[in-house]
Amino acid sequence: MNDLVLIREKINKARRLNQAKLLATKNGEVTPYKISVFMKRIKQSQKDLKLQDS
C-alpha cells in the first residue's frame, strides 16, 4: 500500500479514537476509559436488573 494512504488511515483512526474517548471516574478522579471497567459496569448493572426482576 502507499505510505500516504497508511498515514492517512492512522490519522483518521487516531481522530476517531480521540472523539470516542470516554472518561470514567475512580475515587472522584477522572481517569482514562478502559474497556474492562466498562464491561464490569455492564455485568454489574445486568446482575442488579436481574435481582430487581426476581
N, C-alpha and C. Protein backbone atom coordinates (compact mmCIF):
# COMPACT_ATOMS: atom_id res chain seq x y z
N MET A 1 0.83 -1.18 0.00
CA MET A 1 0.00 0.00 0.00
C MET A 1 0.88 1.25 0.00
N ASN A 2 0.32 2.29 -0.47
CA ASN A 2 1.01 3.56 -0.50
C ASN A 2 1.19 4.08 0.93
N ASP A 3 2.37 4.65 1.21
CA ASP A 3 2.64 5.16 2.55
C ASP A 3 1.68 6.28 2.94
N LEU A 4 1.32 7.12 1.98
CA LEU A 4 0.41 8.22 2.29
C LEU A 4 -0.97 7.71 2.70
N VAL A 5 -1.41 6.63 2.08
CA VAL A 5 -2.70 6.04 2.44
C VAL A 5 -2.63 5.49 3.86
N LEU A 6 -1.53 4.82 4.19
CA LEU A 6 -1.37 4.27 5.54
C LEU A 6 -1.34 5.38 6.59
N ILE A 7 -0.62 6.45 6.28
CA ILE A 7 -0.54 7.58 7.21
C ILE A 7 -1.92 8.20 7.39
N ARG A 8 -2.65 8.37 6.30
CA ARG A 8 -3.99 8.95 6.38
C ARG A 8 -4.90 8.07 7.22
N GLU A 9 -4.80 6.74 7.05
CA GLU A 9 -5.63 5.82 7.84
C GLU A 9 -5.29 5.92 9.32
N LYS A 10 -4.00 6.03 9.65
CA LYS A 10 -3.59 6.16 11.05
C LYS A 10 -4.11 7.46 11.66
N ILE A 11 -4.04 8.53 10.89
CA ILE A 11 -4.54 9.82 11.37
C ILE A 11 -6.04 9.75 11.60
N ASN A 12 -6.76 9.16 10.66
CA ASN A 12 -8.22 9.04 10.81
C ASN A 12 -8.58 8.17 12.00
N LYS A 13 -7.83 7.09 12.20
CA LYS A 13 -8.09 6.21 13.34
C LYS A 13 -7.84 6.95 14.65
N ALA A 14 -6.75 7.69 14.72
CA ALA A 14 -6.44 8.46 15.93
C ALA A 14 -7.52 9.51 16.18
N ARG A 15 -8.01 10.14 15.13
CA ARG A 15 -9.06 11.15 15.28
C ARG A 15 -10.36 10.52 15.80
N ARG A 16 -10.72 9.34 15.24
CA ARG A 16 -11.93 8.65 15.71
C ARG A 16 -11.80 8.23 17.16
N LEU A 17 -10.63 7.69 17.53
CA LEU A 17 -10.43 7.26 18.91
C LEU A 17 -10.49 8.45 19.86
N ASN A 18 -9.93 9.57 19.44
CA ASN A 18 -9.96 10.75 20.29
C ASN A 18 -11.39 11.25 20.48
N GLN A 19 -12.18 11.21 19.42
CA GLN A 19 -13.56 11.67 19.52
C GLN A 19 -14.39 10.72 20.37
N ALA A 20 -14.06 9.42 20.32
CA ALA A 20 -14.84 8.42 21.03
C ALA A 20 -14.34 8.19 22.45
N LYS A 21 -13.30 8.90 22.84
CA LYS A 21 -12.72 8.67 24.16
C LYS A 21 -13.74 8.97 25.25
N LEU A 22 -13.92 8.05 26.14
CA LEU A 22 -14.85 8.22 27.23
C LEU A 22 -14.06 8.36 28.52
N LEU A 23 -14.65 9.01 29.48
CA LEU A 23 -13.99 9.18 30.77
C LEU A 23 -14.76 8.44 31.84
N ALA A 24 -14.04 7.90 32.76
CA ALA A 24 -14.65 7.22 33.90
C ALA A 24 -14.10 7.87 35.16
N THR A 25 -14.86 7.81 36.21
CA THR A 25 -14.36 8.36 37.47
C THR A 25 -13.98 7.22 38.40
N LYS A 26 -12.90 7.42 39.09
CA LYS A 26 -12.41 6.43 40.03
C LYS A 26 -11.99 7.20 41.28
N ASN A 27 -12.69 6.96 42.37
CA ASN A 27 -12.44 7.66 43.62
C ASN A 27 -12.51 9.18 43.43
N GLY A 28 -13.44 9.62 42.63
CA GLY A 28 -13.63 11.04 42.43
C GLY A 28 -12.69 11.68 41.42
N GLU A 29 -11.73 10.93 40.89
CA GLU A 29 -10.80 11.47 39.92
C GLU A 29 -11.18 10.97 38.53
N VAL A 30 -10.97 11.80 37.54
CA VAL A 30 -11.26 11.41 36.17
C VAL A 30 -10.07 10.60 35.65
N THR A 31 -10.35 9.40 35.19
CA THR A 31 -9.30 8.53 34.66
C THR A 31 -9.65 8.14 33.24
N PRO A 32 -8.68 7.76 32.44
CA PRO A 32 -8.98 7.33 31.07
C PRO A 32 -9.90 6.11 31.07
N TYR A 33 -10.75 6.06 30.10
CA TYR A 33 -11.71 4.97 29.94
C TYR A 33 -10.98 3.68 29.62
N LYS A 34 -11.38 2.60 30.25
CA LYS A 34 -10.82 1.28 29.96
C LYS A 34 -11.98 0.33 29.67
N ILE A 35 -11.83 -0.51 28.67
CA ILE A 35 -12.90 -1.42 28.27
C ILE A 35 -13.23 -2.39 29.39
N SER A 36 -12.24 -2.80 30.19
CA SER A 36 -12.51 -3.75 31.26
C SER A 36 -13.43 -3.13 32.31
N VAL A 37 -13.24 -1.86 32.61
CA VAL A 37 -14.11 -1.16 33.57
C VAL A 37 -15.52 -1.09 33.01
N PHE A 38 -15.63 -0.79 31.73
CA PHE A 38 -16.92 -0.70 31.07
C PHE A 38 -17.65 -2.03 31.13
N MET A 39 -16.94 -3.12 30.83
CA MET A 39 -17.57 -4.45 30.85
C MET A 39 -17.99 -4.83 32.27
N LYS A 40 -17.19 -4.48 33.27
CA LYS A 40 -17.56 -4.76 34.67
C LYS A 40 -18.85 -4.04 35.03
N ARG A 41 -18.94 -2.78 34.62
CA ARG A 41 -20.14 -2.00 34.93
C ARG A 41 -21.37 -2.56 34.23
N ILE A 42 -21.21 -3.03 33.01
CA ILE A 42 -22.34 -3.63 32.29
C ILE A 42 -22.80 -4.89 33.01
N LYS A 43 -21.85 -5.76 33.38
CA LYS A 43 -22.20 -7.01 34.06
C LYS A 43 -22.87 -6.73 35.40
N GLN A 44 -22.35 -5.74 36.14
CA GLN A 44 -22.94 -5.41 37.43
C GLN A 44 -24.35 -4.88 37.26
N SER A 45 -24.57 -4.03 36.26
CA SER A 45 -25.92 -3.50 36.06
C SER A 45 -26.88 -4.60 35.61
N GLN A 46 -26.40 -5.56 34.83
CA GLN A 46 -27.25 -6.68 34.43
C GLN A 46 -27.63 -7.53 35.64
N LYS A 47 -26.68 -7.75 36.55
CA LYS A 47 -26.97 -8.50 37.77
C LYS A 47 -28.01 -7.77 38.61
N ASP A 48 -27.83 -6.45 38.73
CA ASP A 48 -28.77 -5.66 39.52
C ASP A 48 -30.18 -5.72 38.92
N LEU A 49 -30.27 -5.66 37.60
CA LEU A 49 -31.58 -5.73 36.95
C LEU A 49 -32.23 -7.09 37.17
N LYS A 50 -31.44 -8.15 37.11
CA LYS A 50 -31.98 -9.49 37.34
C LYS A 50 -32.50 -9.62 38.77
N LEU A 51 -31.77 -9.05 39.73
CA LEU A 51 -32.20 -9.12 41.12
C LEU A 51 -33.49 -8.32 41.33
N GLN A 52 -33.62 -7.19 40.65
CA GLN A 52 -34.83 -6.39 40.78
C GLN A 52 -36.03 -7.09 40.16
N ASP A 53 -35.81 -7.81 39.06
CA ASP A 53 -36.91 -8.50 38.38
C ASP A 53 -37.43 -9.68 39.18
N SER A 54 -36.55 -10.33 39.94
CA SER A 54 -36.99 -11.52 40.68
C SER A 54 -37.51 -11.20 42.05
